[in-house]
Amino acid sequence: MITEDKKATRGRPSTRPKRKPVGMAHRLKFNNLDTDNFHYRQVNDEAGRVAMFKEGGYEIAPEGTAIDQSRLEGGVAADGMISVGNGTKAVLMRVPKPIYEEDQEAKQDIVDGQIEAIENSPESEGNYGKVTIK
């Protein structure tokens, strides 16, 4: 039920401080991304992941790619590494769109094969009925 006091304050700006939703507090924003020609990904620098992505055709995004500094705690290191919390560093990497799309198609082929295997599994002892995936 809306009281008369609440009706009187409708339309006026709130004096309460603006809050940020918890899940959105530390999302990084990047500027000057060439999304027409490249797919970008933030890669944590742990257990050889950066080297693995380089082998897959990714490269570290060039220096002209600006990071919105307002949400960074430690700034950006000279090598492009960003502190993402808990002692973890990350770097922005990119891959040409044709390579990314080829990788996505290969992953989808695997999923399609798994779905087909589930839908067409032969009946055997304890295995009966039909599974359909829409």
Protein backbone atom coordinates (compact mmCIF):
# COMPACT_ATOMS: atom_id res chain seq x y z
CA MET A 1 0.00 0.00 0.00
CA ILE A 2 1.39 3.41 -0.95
CA THR A 3 1.09 6.01 1.77
CA GLU A 4 0.44 9.71 1.25
CA ASP A 5 4.10 10.48 2.13
CA LYS A 6 5.36 8.21 -0.65
CA LYS A 7 2.92 9.74 -3.14
CA ALA A 8 4.26 13.20 -2.30
CA THR A 9 7.90 12.20 -3.01
CA ARG A 10 7.22 10.51 -6.37
CA GLY A 11 9.09 12.13 -9.24
CA ARG A 12 11.64 13.86 -7.01
CA PRO A 13 15.26 12.72 -7.10
CA SER A 14 16.25 10.42 -4.28
CA THR A 15 18.74 11.59 -1.67
CA ARG A 16 19.89 8.01 -1.15
CA PRO A 17 23.40 7.33 -2.55
CA LYS A 18 23.53 5.48 -5.87
CA ARG A 19 24.47 1.85 -5.35
CA LYS A 20 26.14 -0.64 -7.69
CA PRO A 21 24.72 -4.17 -7.92
CA VAL A 22 27.19 -6.64 -6.42
CA GLY A 23 27.65 -8.71 -9.58
CA MET A 24 28.56 -5.65 -11.64
CA ALA A 25 31.10 -4.06 -9.33
CA HIS A 26 34.36 -5.23 -10.91
CA ARG A 27 33.56 -5.80 -14.57
CA LEU A 28 36.23 -4.36 -16.79
CA LYS A 29 35.34 -2.26 -19.79
CA PHE A 30 37.54 -1.96 -22.86
CA ASN A 31 37.58 0.78 -25.49
CA ASN A 32 38.76 0.81 -29.12
CA LEU A 33 38.04 -2.88 -29.78
CA ASP A 34 38.01 -3.93 -33.43
CA THR A 35 35.05 -6.29 -33.00
CA ASP A 36 34.40 -6.43 -36.75
CA ASN A 37 37.66 -8.29 -37.37
CA PHE A 38 38.58 -9.85 -34.00
CA HIS A 39 37.05 -11.75 -31.09
CA TYR A 40 38.37 -10.58 -27.71
CA ARG A 41 38.79 -12.53 -24.49
CA GLN A 42 40.24 -11.77 -21.09
CA VAL A 43 42.63 -14.61 -20.19
CA ASN A 44 43.91 -15.32 -16.68
CA ASP A 45 47.68 -15.77 -16.55
CA GLU A 46 47.82 -19.06 -14.70
CA ALA A 47 48.93 -22.60 -15.57
CA GLY A 48 50.16 -21.62 -19.03
CA ARG A 49 46.78 -20.37 -20.27
CA VAL A 50 48.24 -17.37 -22.13
CA ALA A 51 50.69 -19.66 -23.97
CA MET A 52 47.85 -22.07 -24.77
CA PHE A 53 45.77 -19.26 -26.29
CA LYS A 54 48.78 -18.04 -28.31
CA GLU A 55 49.12 -21.56 -29.75
CA GLY A 56 45.44 -21.34 -30.69
CA GLY A 57 45.99 -18.20 -32.76
CA TYR A 58 45.30 -15.54 -30.13
CA GLU A 59 47.56 -12.53 -29.61
CA ILE A 60 47.77 -10.00 -26.80
CA ALA A 61 45.61 -7.02 -27.75
CA PRO A 62 47.68 -4.04 -28.91
CA GLU A 63 48.42 -1.10 -26.63
CA GLY A 64 45.86 1.09 -28.42
CA THR A 65 43.12 -0.95 -26.75
CA ALA A 66 42.30 1.19 -23.74
CA ILE A 67 40.97 -0.24 -20.50
CA ASP A 68 38.49 1.79 -18.48
CA GLN A 69 40.80 2.63 -15.57
CA SER A 70 37.99 3.63 -13.20
CA ARG A 71 37.37 0.03 -12.14
CA LEU A 72 40.96 -1.11 -11.77
CA GLU A 73 42.57 -1.37 -8.37
CA GLY A 74 46.20 -1.76 -9.45
CA GLY A 75 46.27 -0.23 -12.92
CA VAL A 76 47.71 -1.91 -16.00
CA ALA A 77 51.27 -3.25 -16.01
CA ALA A 78 53.66 -2.52 -18.86
CA ASP A 79 53.11 -6.03 -20.26
CA GLY A 80 49.32 -5.48 -20.41
CA MET A 81 48.59 -7.57 -17.33
CA ILE A 82 45.61 -6.49 -15.21
CA SER A 83 45.06 -7.44 -11.58
CA VAL A 84 41.67 -9.18 -11.40
CA GLY A 85 41.73 -10.00 -7.69
CA ASN A 86 43.04 -12.66 -5.33
CA GLY A 87 46.55 -12.25 -6.76
CA THR A 88 45.40 -13.29 -10.24
CA LYS A 89 46.57 -11.36 -13.29
CA ALA A 90 44.83 -11.35 -16.66
CA VAL A 91 45.51 -10.01 -20.13
CA LEU A 92 43.19 -9.02 -22.96
CA MET A 93 43.76 -11.25 -25.99
CA ARG A 94 42.23 -11.35 -29.46
CA VAL A 95 41.90 -13.77 -32.36
CA PRO A 96 40.82 -13.08 -35.96
CA LYS A 97 37.08 -13.67 -36.42
CA PRO A 98 37.48 -16.44 -39.06
CA ILE A 99 39.61 -18.52 -36.65
CA TYR A 100 37.16 -17.92 -33.79
CA GLU A 101 34.17 -18.92 -35.94
CA GLU A 102 36.00 -22.06 -37.12
CA ASP A 103 36.64 -23.02 -33.47
CA GLN A 104 32.98 -22.43 -32.59
CA GLU A 105 31.83 -24.62 -35.48
CA ALA A 106 34.16 -27.43 -34.35
CA LYS A 107 32.76 -27.22 -30.80
CA GLN A 108 29.20 -27.26 -32.16
CA ASP A 109 29.97 -30.36 -34.26
CA ILE A 110 30.98 -32.18 -31.05
CA VAL A 111 27.76 -31.13 -29.31
CA ASP A 112 25.67 -32.16 -32.33
CA GLY A 113 27.33 -35.61 -32.30
CA GLN A 114 26.58 -36.02 -28.60
CA ILE A 115 22.93 -35.04 -29.11
CA GLU A 116 22.61 -37.48 -31.99
CA ALA A 117 24.14 -40.27 -29.88
CA ILE A 118 21.65 -39.58 -27.07
CA GLU A 119 18.64 -39.41 -29.38
CA ASN A 120 19.59 -42.53 -31.37
CA SER A 121 20.92 -44.77 -28.62
CA PRO A 122 19.81 -48.38 -29.17
CA GLU A 123 17.55 -50.09 -26.70
CA SER A 124 19.35 -52.46 -24.36
CA GLU A 125 18.78 -53.92 -20.93
CA GLY A 126 17.70 -51.10 -18.63
CA ASN A 127 17.80 -48.65 -21.50
CA TYR A 128 14.42 -48.01 -23.04
CA GLY A 129 12.27 -45.12 -24.18
CA LYS A 130 13.19 -42.23 -26.41
CA VAL A 131 14.97 -38.96 -25.71
CA THR A 132 14.23 -35.89 -27.80
CA ILE A 133 16.03 -32.59 -27.45
CA LYS A 134 14.23 -29.52 -28.70
